[in-house]
Amino acid sequence: MSAKMTLGQTAEIPGPKKAFLIPKPDVAAAMIKRAKRALLVVGSEASNIGTKDGDLVGYATRLSKIRNVTVAATGHLIGEFRKRKAEGIHTTPLMNLGDRLRDPEWGGLDGAGPYDLVLFAGFPYYLEWLVLSGLKNFAPKLRTISLDRVYQPNANWSFGSMAEEEWKEVLDKMITILEEGD
């Protein structure tokens, strides 16, 4: 992948409605706490980000233990979760999931009803851009948050572009706040 693609998309224009920046990790934690049913969708690049105890798979495993968060792994990533003995992780193709999330009658991965908040992390920038664009335009009542370290304009909320170490600190603080609140 070229360096340009890792910095964000430059040719596409997201339209007049763009993501709000998440100013601090406690704001993201508060949104997750308020959600009735949240879904964290983890992408194929999650196992490439960080070290074994501070990577995105580890963060997602911690989030899966929060009472209202369901975790879905895409692609080959379910193997990483199984290696770490994480329980309750669902697996699904991203494009299929994006299509299902548009349907307000869909019962969710566990059959307990539709999600009201979907978090995305660990995807190639352009792939997350496409799914979030579809949800922004065809599932306007669904709230979306990009937890990646690069700004995603098609989400409702997104972290701003930041260095990897700063991003890990923000994620860790957000999850710690959620763990303390349960």
Protein backbone atom coordinates (compact mmCIF):
# COMPACT_ATOMS: atom_id res chain seq x y z
CA MET A 1 0.00 0.00 0.00
CA SER A 2 1.36 3.42 -0.85
CA ALA A 3 2.17 5.93 1.89
CA LYS A 4 -0.49 8.22 0.47
CA MET A 5 -3.27 5.68 1.18
CA THR A 6 -2.22 5.34 4.82
CA LEU A 7 -2.63 9.09 5.36
CA GLY A 8 -6.19 9.23 4.17
CA GLN A 9 -8.13 9.50 0.99
CA THR A 10 -7.38 12.59 -1.09
CA ALA A 11 -9.50 12.25 -4.23
CA GLU A 12 -12.95 11.43 -2.88
CA ILE A 13 -15.11 14.11 -1.28
CA PRO A 14 -17.35 12.89 1.56
CA GLY A 15 -20.09 15.47 0.98
CA PRO A 16 -21.48 18.19 3.22
CA LYS A 17 -22.00 15.90 6.23
CA LYS A 18 -18.66 14.98 7.85
CA ALA A 19 -17.63 13.24 11.06
CA PHE A 20 -17.27 15.17 14.29
CA LEU A 21 -13.87 14.80 15.92
CA ILE A 22 -13.81 12.97 19.22
CA PRO A 23 -12.00 15.46 21.48
CA LYS A 24 -11.12 13.07 24.33
CA PRO A 25 -11.39 9.36 25.09
CA ASP A 26 -14.05 9.94 27.78
CA VAL A 27 -16.41 11.34 25.11
CA ALA A 28 -16.14 8.09 23.12
CA ALA A 29 -16.55 6.06 26.32
CA ALA A 30 -19.70 8.02 27.21
CA MET A 31 -21.22 7.35 23.76
CA ILE A 32 -20.52 3.64 24.11
CA LYS A 33 -22.01 3.58 27.63
CA ARG A 34 -25.17 5.32 26.41
CA ALA A 35 -25.70 2.87 23.56
CA LYS A 36 -28.31 0.20 24.12
CA ARG A 37 -26.53 -2.19 21.75
CA ALA A 38 -23.09 -1.44 20.38
CA LEU A 39 -21.19 -3.44 17.77
CA LEU A 40 -17.42 -3.26 17.36
CA VAL A 41 -16.33 -4.40 13.90
CA VAL A 42 -12.63 -5.29 13.78
CA GLY A 43 -10.80 -5.43 10.47
CA SER A 44 -8.06 -7.54 9.00
CA GLU A 45 -5.27 -5.10 9.83
CA ALA A 46 -5.92 -5.30 13.59
CA SER A 47 -3.30 -8.00 14.13
CA ASN A 48 -0.66 -5.85 12.38
CA ILE A 49 -1.13 -2.85 14.67
CA GLY A 50 0.97 -2.65 17.83
CA THR A 51 2.55 -5.24 20.08
CA LYS A 52 1.02 -8.46 21.40
CA ASP A 53 -0.31 -6.89 24.60
CA GLY A 54 -1.20 -3.51 23.10
CA ASP A 55 -2.60 -4.38 19.68
CA LEU A 56 -6.09 -3.85 18.35
CA VAL A 57 -7.07 -7.48 18.89
CA GLY A 58 -6.23 -7.08 22.56
CA TYR A 59 -8.23 -3.86 22.81
CA ALA A 60 -11.19 -5.52 21.06
CA THR A 61 -11.00 -8.48 23.44
CA ARG A 62 -11.17 -6.08 26.38
CA LEU A 63 -14.14 -4.28 24.79
CA SER A 64 -15.97 -7.59 24.23
CA LYS A 65 -16.24 -7.93 28.02
CA ILE A 66 -18.17 -4.64 28.32
CA ARG A 67 -21.85 -5.48 28.89
CA ASN A 68 -23.42 -3.85 25.80
CA VAL A 69 -20.64 -4.36 23.21
CA THR A 70 -20.71 -7.20 20.68
CA VAL A 71 -17.53 -7.82 18.68
CA ALA A 72 -17.42 -8.98 15.06
CA ALA A 73 -14.15 -10.01 13.41
CA THR A 74 -13.87 -9.82 9.64
CA GLY A 75 -11.64 -11.74 7.27
CA HIS A 76 -9.05 -14.06 8.78
CA LEU A 77 -9.02 -12.22 12.11
CA ILE A 78 -11.20 -14.71 13.98
CA GLY A 79 -8.10 -16.94 14.17
CA GLU A 80 -6.29 -14.26 16.20
CA PHE A 81 -9.15 -14.08 18.68
CA ARG A 82 -9.26 -17.88 18.99
CA LYS A 83 -5.50 -18.00 19.64
CA ARG A 84 -6.07 -15.66 22.57
CA LYS A 85 -9.07 -17.68 23.79
CA ALA A 86 -11.44 -14.71 23.45
CA GLU A 87 -15.07 -15.74 23.86
CA GLY A 88 -18.25 -14.45 22.23
CA ILE A 89 -16.55 -13.05 19.12
CA HIS A 90 -18.63 -13.31 15.94
CA THR A 91 -17.20 -13.56 12.43
CA THR A 92 -18.73 -12.04 9.30
CA PRO A 93 -17.67 -10.58 5.95
CA LEU A 94 -17.50 -6.78 6.13
CA MET A 95 -19.57 -6.04 3.03
CA ASN A 96 -22.29 -8.46 4.14
CA LEU A 97 -22.34 -6.81 7.56
CA GLY A 98 -22.53 -3.33 6.00
CA ASP A 99 -25.56 -4.46 4.02
CA ARG A 100 -27.25 -6.01 7.08
CA LEU A 101 -26.69 -2.89 9.20
CA ARG A 102 -28.83 -0.90 6.74
CA ASP A 103 -31.85 -3.04 7.63
CA PRO A 104 -33.63 -1.67 10.74
CA GLU A 105 -35.41 -5.04 11.17
CA TRP A 106 -32.19 -7.11 11.25
CA GLY A 107 -31.84 -8.95 14.55
CA GLY A 108 -28.07 -8.53 14.88
CA LEU A 109 -25.38 -11.19 15.01
CA ASP A 110 -26.83 -12.66 18.20
CA GLY A 111 -30.53 -12.24 17.33
CA ALA A 112 -31.13 -9.74 20.17
CA GLY A 113 -32.18 -6.86 17.92
CA PRO A 114 -30.65 -4.07 15.85
CA TYR A 115 -27.58 -2.12 16.92
CA ASP A 116 -27.78 1.59 17.65
CA LEU A 117 -24.01 2.24 17.59
CA VAL A 118 -21.34 0.64 15.40
CA LEU A 119 -17.62 1.11 16.02
CA PHE A 120 -15.06 0.36 13.31
CA ALA A 121 -11.32 -0.30 13.74
CA GLY A 122 -8.48 -2.03 11.92
CA PHE A 123 -9.54 -1.70 8.30
CA PRO A 124 -7.68 -0.39 5.27
CA TYR A 125 -8.70 3.27 5.01
CA TYR A 126 -10.48 3.00 1.65
CA LEU A 127 -12.50 -0.07 2.69
CA GLU A 128 -13.79 1.53 5.89
CA TRP A 129 -14.53 4.69 3.88
CA LEU A 130 -16.82 2.73 1.53
CA VAL A 131 -18.77 0.93 4.26
CA LEU A 132 -19.18 4.09 6.32
CA SER A 133 -20.33 5.98 3.23
CA GLY A 134 -23.03 3.38 2.62
CA LEU A 135 -24.19 3.53 6.23
CA LYS A 136 -24.16 7.33 6.27
CA ASN A 137 -26.41 7.44 3.22
CA PHE A 138 -28.64 4.40 3.72
CA ALA A 139 -28.83 3.94 7.52
CA PRO A 140 -29.09 7.53 8.75
CA LYS A 141 -30.39 6.58 12.22
CA LEU A 142 -27.42 4.29 12.93
CA ARG A 143 -24.59 6.07 14.77
CA THR A 144 -21.06 5.17 13.68
CA ILE A 145 -17.66 5.79 15.26
CA SER A 146 -14.27 5.18 13.66
CA LEU A 147 -11.70 4.17 16.29
CA ASP A 148 -8.85 4.14 13.79
CA ARG A 149 -5.98 6.58 14.13
CA VAL A 150 -6.83 8.27 10.82
CA TYR A 151 -9.83 10.61 10.47
CA GLN A 152 -12.80 8.98 8.70
CA PRO A 153 -15.15 11.68 7.36
CA ASN A 154 -18.01 9.27 6.59
CA ALA A 155 -18.47 8.19 10.21
CA ASN A 156 -20.63 10.21 12.58
CA TRP A 157 -17.68 10.48 14.98
CA SER A 158 -13.97 9.82 14.39
CA PHE A 159 -10.66 10.17 16.14
CA GLY A 160 -8.46 12.70 14.39
CA SER A 161 -5.28 11.62 12.65
CA MET A 162 -2.64 10.90 15.29
CA ALA A 163 0.63 9.08 15.88
CA GLU A 164 0.35 5.38 16.73
CA GLU A 165 1.60 5.75 20.32
CA GLU A 166 -0.86 8.57 21.05
CA TRP A 167 -3.66 6.53 19.49
CA LYS A 168 -2.86 3.51 21.70
CA GLU A 169 -2.95 5.73 24.79
CA VAL A 170 -6.34 7.13 23.76
CA LEU A 171 -7.78 3.64 23.14
CA ASP A 172 -6.39 2.34 26.43
CA LYS A 173 -7.85 5.26 28.37
CA MET A 174 -11.25 4.88 26.66
CA ILE A 175 -11.43 1.15 27.44
CA THR A 176 -10.23 1.69 31.02
CA ILE A 177 -13.05 4.19 31.56
CA LEU A 178 -15.55 1.66 30.19
CA GLU A 179 -14.15 -1.18 32.34
CA GLU A 180 -14.36 0.96 35.49
CA GLY A 181 -17.96 1.88 34.72
CA ASP A 182 -19.16 -1.73 34.51
